[in-house]
Amino acid sequence: GAIVADVGEPMDKFVYVLEGEVELV
């Protein structure tokens, strides 16, 4: 349930998923 990146935030990091899942909301 934690927000990894919110709308309007700059893409200033490359995020690679090791475990789990990130969903688009």
PDB file of all heavy atoms in Angstrom:
ATOM      1  N   GLY A   1       0.793  -1.228   0.000  1.00  0.00           N
ATOM      2  CA  GLY A   1       0.000   0.000   0.000  1.00  0.00           C
ATOM      3  C   GLY A   1       0.821   1.271   0.000  1.00  0.00           C
ATOM      4  O   GLY A   1       0.267   2.370  -0.161  1.00  0.00           O
ATOM      5  N   ALA A   2       2.137   1.165   0.144  1.00  0.00           N
ATOM      6  CA  ALA A   2       2.991   2.361   0.162  1.00  0.00           C
ATOM      7  C   ALA A   2       3.156   2.907  -1.261  1.00  0.00           C
ATOM      8  O   ALA A   2       3.287   2.154  -2.227  1.00  0.00           O
ATOM      9  CB  ALA A   2       4.360   2.029   0.753  1.00  0.00           C
ATOM     10  N   ILE A   3       3.148   4.236  -1.393  1.00  0.00           N
ATOM     11  CA  ILE A   3       3.359   4.881  -2.683  1.00  0.00           C
ATOM     12  C   ILE A   3       4.854   4.903  -2.997  1.00  0.00           C
ATOM     13  O   ILE A   3       5.649   5.448  -2.225  1.00  0.00           O
ATOM     14  CB  ILE A   3       2.789   6.314  -2.683  1.00  0.00           C
ATOM     15  CG1 ILE A   3       1.265   6.284  -2.505  1.00  0.00           C
ATOM     16  CG2 ILE A   3       3.159   7.036  -3.973  1.00  0.00           C
ATOM     17  CD1 ILE A   3       0.525   5.608  -3.648  1.00  0.00           C
ATOM     18  N   VAL A   4       5.220   4.310  -4.097  1.00  0.00           N
ATOM     19  CA  VAL A   4       6.619   4.295  -4.526  1.00  0.00           C
ATOM     20  C   VAL A   4       6.948   5.576  -5.295  1.00  0.00           C
ATOM     21  O   VAL A   4       8.034   6.136  -5.155  1.00  0.00           O
ATOM     22  CB  VAL A   4       6.895   3.047  -5.391  1.00  0.00           C
ATOM     23  CG1 VAL A   4       8.367   3.015  -5.823  1.00  0.00           C
ATOM     24  CG2 VAL A   4       6.536   1.778  -4.628  1.00  0.00           C
ATOM     25  N   ALA A   5       6.000   6.042  -6.101  1.00  0.00           N
ATOM     26  CA  ALA A   5       6.159   7.309  -6.825  1.00  0.00           C
ATOM     27  C   ALA A   5       4.768   7.867  -7.090  1.00  0.00           C
ATOM     28  O   ALA A   5       3.865   7.125  -7.477  1.00  0.00           O
ATOM     29  CB  ALA A   5       6.904   7.101  -8.138  1.00  0.00           C
ATOM     30  N   ASP A   6       4.593   9.164  -6.882  1.00  0.00           N
ATOM     31  CA  ASP A   6       3.279   9.774  -7.048  1.00  0.00           C
ATOM     32  C   ASP A   6       3.221  10.587  -8.340  1.00  0.00           C
ATOM     33  O   ASP A   6       4.256  10.937  -8.928  1.00  0.00           O
ATOM     34  CB  ASP A   6       2.963  10.675  -5.848  1.00  0.00           C
ATOM     35  CG  ASP A   6       1.467  10.744  -5.575  1.00  0.00           C
ATOM     36  OD1 ASP A   6       0.678  10.297  -6.432  1.00  0.00           O
ATOM     37  OD2 ASP A   6       1.089  11.234  -4.498  1.00  0.00           O
ATOM     38  N   VAL A   7       2.007  10.907  -8.750  1.00  0.00           N
ATOM     39  CA  VAL A   7       1.814  11.724  -9.950  1.00  0.00           C
ATOM     40  C   VAL A   7       2.521  13.073  -9.780  1.00  0.00           C
ATOM     41  O   VAL A   7       2.424  13.707  -8.734  1.00  0.00           O
ATOM     42  CB  VAL A   7       0.316  11.959 -10.216  1.00  0.00           C
ATOM     43  CG1 VAL A   7       0.121  12.955 -11.353  1.00  0.00           C
ATOM     44  CG2 VAL A   7      -0.371  10.657 -10.548  1.00  0.00           C
ATOM     45  N   GLY A   8       3.236  13.476 -10.821  1.00  0.00           N
ATOM     46  CA  GLY A   8       3.919  14.764 -10.795  1.00  0.00           C
ATOM     47  C   GLY A   8       5.323  14.721 -10.250  1.00  0.00           C
ATOM     48  O   GLY A   8       6.086  15.674 -10.435  1.00  0.00           O
ATOM     49  N   GLU A   9       5.693  13.632  -9.577  1.00  0.00           N
ATOM     50  CA  GLU A   9       7.069  13.524  -9.073  1.00  0.00           C
ATOM     51  C   GLU A   9       8.015  13.272 -10.240  1.00  0.00           C
ATOM     52  O   GLU A   9       7.695  12.528 -11.171  1.00  0.00           O
ATOM     53  CB  GLU A   9       7.184  12.385  -8.058  1.00  0.00           C
ATOM     54  CG  GLU A   9       6.496  12.650  -6.745  1.00  0.00           C
ATOM     55  CD  GLU A   9       6.716  11.527  -5.738  1.00  0.00           C
ATOM     56  OE1 GLU A   9       7.401  10.539  -6.095  1.00  0.00           O
ATOM     57  OE2 GLU A   9       6.209  11.638  -4.613  1.00  0.00           O
ATOM     58  N   PRO A  10       9.191  13.882 -10.215  1.00  0.00           N
ATOM     59  CA  PRO A  10      10.143  13.657 -11.314  1.00  0.00           C
ATOM     60  C   PRO A  10      10.703  12.239 -11.273  1.00  0.00           C
ATOM     61  O   PRO A  10      10.863  11.646 -10.209  1.00  0.00           O
ATOM     62  CB  PRO A  10      11.239  14.692 -11.045  1.00  0.00           C
ATOM     63  CG  PRO A  10      11.170  14.949  -9.578  1.00  0.00           C
ATOM     64  CD  PRO A  10       9.717  14.822  -9.203  1.00  0.00           C
ATOM     65  N   MET A  11      10.994  11.721 -12.447  1.00  0.00           N
ATOM     66  CA  MET A  11      11.632  10.405 -12.530  1.00  0.00           C
ATOM     67  C   MET A  11      13.131  10.586 -12.318  1.00  0.00           C
ATOM     68  O   MET A  11      13.924  10.534 -13.255  1.00  0.00           O
ATOM     69  CB  MET A  11      11.347   9.761 -13.892  1.00  0.00           C
ATOM     70  CG  MET A  11       9.894   9.429 -14.124  1.00  0.00           C
ATOM     71  SD  MET A  11       9.656   8.518 -15.667  1.00  0.00           S
ATOM     72  CE  MET A  11       7.864   8.552 -15.787  1.00  0.00           C
ATOM     73  N   ASP A  12      13.507  10.812 -11.083  1.00  0.00           N
ATOM     74  CA  ASP A  12      14.913  11.075 -10.777  1.00  0.00           C
ATOM     75  C   ASP A  12      15.645   9.849 -10.249  1.00  0.00           C
ATOM     76  O   ASP A  12      16.794   9.939  -9.847  1.00  0.00           O
ATOM     77  CB  ASP A  12      15.034  12.225  -9.774  1.00  0.00           C
ATOM     78  CG  ASP A  12      14.224  11.981  -8.508  1.00  0.00           C
ATOM     79  OD1 ASP A  12      13.641  10.878  -8.368  1.00  0.00           O
ATOM     80  OD2 ASP A  12      14.158  12.896  -7.667  1.00  0.00           O
ATOM     81  N   LYS A  13      14.967   8.679 -10.261  1.00  0.00           N
ATOM     82  CA  LYS A  13      15.592   7.435  -9.831  1.00  0.00           C
ATOM     83  C   LYS A  13      15.200   6.309 -10.776  1.00  0.00           C
ATOM     84  O   LYS A  13      14.077   6.268 -11.277  1.00  0.00           O
ATOM     85  CB  LYS A  13      15.153   7.066  -8.409  1.00  0.00           C
ATOM     86  CG  LYS A  13      15.620   8.026  -7.339  1.00  0.00           C
ATOM     87  CD  LYS A  13      15.062   7.627  -5.983  1.00  0.00           C
ATOM     88  CE  LYS A  13      13.538   7.795  -5.956  1.00  0.00           C
ATOM     89  NZ  LYS A  13      12.983   7.532  -4.602  1.00  0.00           N
ATOM     90  N   PHE A  14      16.139   5.404 -11.015  1.00  0.00           N
ATOM     91  CA  PHE A  14      15.842   4.173 -11.739  1.00  0.00           C
ATOM     92  C   PHE A  14      15.483   3.121 -10.702  1.00  0.00           C
ATOM     93  O   PHE A  14      16.302   2.802  -9.832  1.00  0.00           O
ATOM     94  CB  PHE A  14      17.050   3.725 -12.565  1.00  0.00           C
ATOM     95  CG  PHE A  14      16.813   2.456 -13.352  1.00  0.00           C
ATOM     96  CD1 PHE A  14      16.173   2.493 -14.575  1.00  0.00           C
ATOM     97  CD2 PHE A  14      17.244   1.233 -12.852  1.00  0.00           C
ATOM     98  CE1 PHE A  14      15.957   1.325 -15.303  1.00  0.00           C
ATOM     99  CE2 PHE A  14      17.036   0.058 -13.564  1.00  0.00           C
ATOM    100  CZ  PHE A  14      16.389   0.109 -14.802  1.00  0.00           C
ATOM    101  N   VAL A  15      14.261   2.600 -10.768  1.00  0.00           N
ATOM    102  CA  VAL A  15      13.752   1.693  -9.731  1.00  0.00           C
ATOM    103  C   VAL A  15      13.601   0.289 -10.311  1.00  0.00           C
ATOM    104  O   VAL A  15      12.776   0.054 -11.200  1.00  0.00           O
ATOM    105  CB  VAL A  15      12.400   2.191  -9.183  1.00  0.00           C
ATOM    106  CG1 VAL A  15      11.911   1.248  -8.086  1.00  0.00           C
ATOM    107  CG2 VAL A  15      12.536   3.609  -8.646  1.00  0.00           C
ATOM    108  N   TYR A  16      14.402  -0.639  -9.790  1.00  0.00           N
ATOM    109  CA  TYR A  16      14.383  -2.044 -10.203  1.00  0.00           C
ATOM    110  C   TYR A  16      13.759  -2.870  -9.079  1.00  0.00           C
ATOM    111  O   TYR A  16      14.152  -2.740  -7.912  1.00  0.00           O
ATOM    112  CB  TYR A  16      15.799  -2.521 -10.488  1.00  0.00           C
ATOM    113  CG  TYR A  16      15.922  -3.964 -10.918  1.00  0.00           C
ATOM    114  CD1 TYR A  16      15.840  -4.319 -12.262  1.00  0.00           C
ATOM    115  CD2 TYR A  16      16.125  -4.978  -9.983  1.00  0.00           C
ATOM    116  CE1 TYR A  16      15.957  -5.638 -12.669  1.00  0.00           C
ATOM    117  CE2 TYR A  16      16.243  -6.309 -10.377  1.00  0.00           C
ATOM    118  CZ  TYR A  16      16.158  -6.630 -11.722  1.00  0.00           C
ATOM    119  OH  TYR A  16      16.264  -7.941 -12.114  1.00  0.00           O
ATOM    120  N   VAL A  17      12.804  -3.720  -9.392  1.00  0.00           N
ATOM    121  CA  VAL A  17      12.091  -4.501  -8.382  1.00  0.00           C
ATOM    122  C   VAL A  17      12.823  -5.825  -8.147  1.00  0.00           C
ATOM    123  O   VAL A  17      12.957  -6.643  -9.063  1.00  0.00           O
ATOM    124  CB  VAL A  17      10.631  -4.759  -8.806  1.00  0.00           C
ATOM    125  CG1 VAL A  17       9.916  -5.607  -7.753  1.00  0.00           C
ATOM    126  CG2 VAL A  17       9.901  -3.428  -9.015  1.00  0.00           C
ATOM    127  N   LEU A  18      13.283  -6.022  -6.918  1.00  0.00           N
ATOM    128  CA  LEU A  18      13.937  -7.273  -6.535  1.00  0.00           C
ATOM    129  C   LEU A  18      12.928  -8.311  -6.078  1.00  0.00           C
ATOM    130  O   LEU A  18      12.998  -9.490  -6.467  1.00  0.00           O
ATOM    131  CB  LEU A  18      14.949  -7.013  -5.415  1.00  0.00           C
ATOM    132  CG  LEU A  18      16.168  -6.153  -5.780  1.00  0.00           C
ATOM    133  CD1 LEU A  18      16.909  -5.743  -4.521  1.00  0.00           C
ATOM    134  CD2 LEU A  18      17.087  -6.920  -6.731  1.00  0.00           C
ATOM    135  N   GLU A  19      11.982  -7.886  -5.243  1.00  0.00           N
ATOM    136  CA  GLU A  19      10.932  -8.782  -4.735  1.00  0.00           C
ATOM    137  C   GLU A  19       9.643  -7.988  -4.621  1.00  0.00           C
ATOM    138  O   GLU A  19       9.662  -6.775  -4.364  1.00  0.00           O
ATOM    139  CB  GLU A  19      11.294  -9.339  -3.350  1.00  0.00           C
ATOM    140  CG  GLU A  19      12.499 -10.265  -3.331  1.00  0.00           C
ATOM    141  CD  GLU A  19      12.823 -10.697  -1.901  1.00  0.00           C
ATOM    142  OE1 GLU A  19      12.200 -10.157  -0.959  1.00  0.00           O
ATOM    143  OE2 GLU A  19      13.702 -11.556  -1.737  1.00  0.00           O
ATOM    144  N   GLY A  20       8.509  -8.683  -4.790  1.00  0.00           N
ATOM    145  CA  GLY A  20       7.226  -8.029  -4.633  1.00  0.00           C
ATOM    146  C   GLY A  20       6.662  -7.530  -5.953  1.00  0.00           C
ATOM    147  O   GLY A  20       6.996  -8.052  -7.028  1.00  0.00           O
ATOM    148  N   GLU A  21       5.845  -6.478  -5.878  1.00  0.00           N
ATOM    149  CA  GLU A  21       5.213  -5.955  -7.087  1.00  0.00           C
ATOM    150  C   GLU A  21       4.827  -4.493  -6.882  1.00  0.00           C
ATOM    151  O   GLU A  21       4.398  -4.092  -5.801  1.00  0.00           O
ATOM    152  CB  GLU A  21       3.959  -6.759  -7.437  1.00  0.00           C
ATOM    153  CG  GLU A  21       3.304  -6.309  -8.731  1.00  0.00           C
ATOM    154  CD  GLU A  21       1.890  -6.838  -8.892  1.00  0.00           C
ATOM    155  OE1 GLU A  21       1.069  -6.624  -7.975  1.00  0.00           O
ATOM    156  OE2 GLU A  21       1.604  -7.452  -9.932  1.00  0.00           O
ATOM    157  N   VAL A  22       4.978  -3.700  -7.949  1.00  0.00           N
ATOM    158  CA  VAL A  22       4.513  -2.319  -7.971  1.00  0.00           C
ATOM    159  C   VAL A  22       3.378  -2.227  -8.982  1.00  0.00           C
ATOM    160  O   VAL A  22       3.517  -2.679 -10.124  1.00  0.00           O
ATOM    161  CB  VAL A  22       5.650  -1.348  -8.351  1.00  0.00           C
ATOM    162  CG1 VAL A  22       5.125   0.078  -8.471  1.00  0.00           C
ATOM    163  CG2 VAL A  22       6.774  -1.420  -7.322  1.00  0.00           C
ATOM    164  N   GLU A  23       2.245  -1.663  -8.551  1.00  0.00           N
ATOM    165  CA  GLU A  23       1.085  -1.556  -9.438  1.00  0.00           C
ATOM    166  C   GLU A  23       0.842  -0.110  -9.840  1.00  0.00           C
ATOM    167  O   GLU A  23       1.186   0.826  -9.104  1.00  0.00           O
ATOM    168  CB  GLU A  23      -0.161  -2.109  -8.744  1.00  0.00           C
ATOM    169  CG  GLU A  23      -0.539  -1.369  -7.474  1.00  0.00           C
ATOM    170  CD  GLU A  23      -1.727  -1.987  -6.753  1.00  0.00           C
ATOM    171  OE1 GLU A  23      -2.317  -2.944  -7.290  1.00  0.00           O
ATOM    172  OE2 GLU A  23      -2.059  -1.519  -5.650  1.00  0.00           O
ATOM    173  N   LEU A  24       0.264   0.077 -11.030  1.00  0.00           N
ATOM    174  CA  LEU A  24      -0.155   1.389 -11.482  1.00  0.00           C
ATOM    175  C   LEU A  24      -1.554   1.653 -10.953  1.00  0.00           C
ATOM    176  O   LEU A  24      -2.414   0.772 -10.979  1.00  0.00           O
ATOM    177  CB  LEU A  24      -0.135   1.479 -13.008  1.00  0.00           C
ATOM    178  CG  LEU A  24       1.236   1.743 -13.641  1.00  0.00           C
ATOM    179  CD1 LEU A  24       2.108   0.489 -13.587  1.00  0.00           C
ATOM    180  CD2 LEU A  24       1.079   2.194 -15.094  1.00  0.00           C
ATOM    181  N   VAL A  25      -1.789   2.884 -10.493  1.00  0.00           N
ATOM    182  CA  VAL A  25      -3.023   3.202  -9.773  1.00  0.00           C
ATOM    183  C   VAL A  25      -3.803   4.279 -10.511  1.00  0.00           C
ATOM    184  O   VAL A  25      -3.214   5.250 -11.022  1.00  0.00           O
ATOM    185  CB  VAL A  25      -2.700   3.676  -8.333  1.00  0.00           C
ATOM    186  CG1 VAL A  25      -3.972   4.008  -7.569  1.00  0.00           C
ATOM    187  CG2 VAL A  25      -1.879   2.624  -7.607  1.00  0.00           C
TER     188      VAL A  25
END
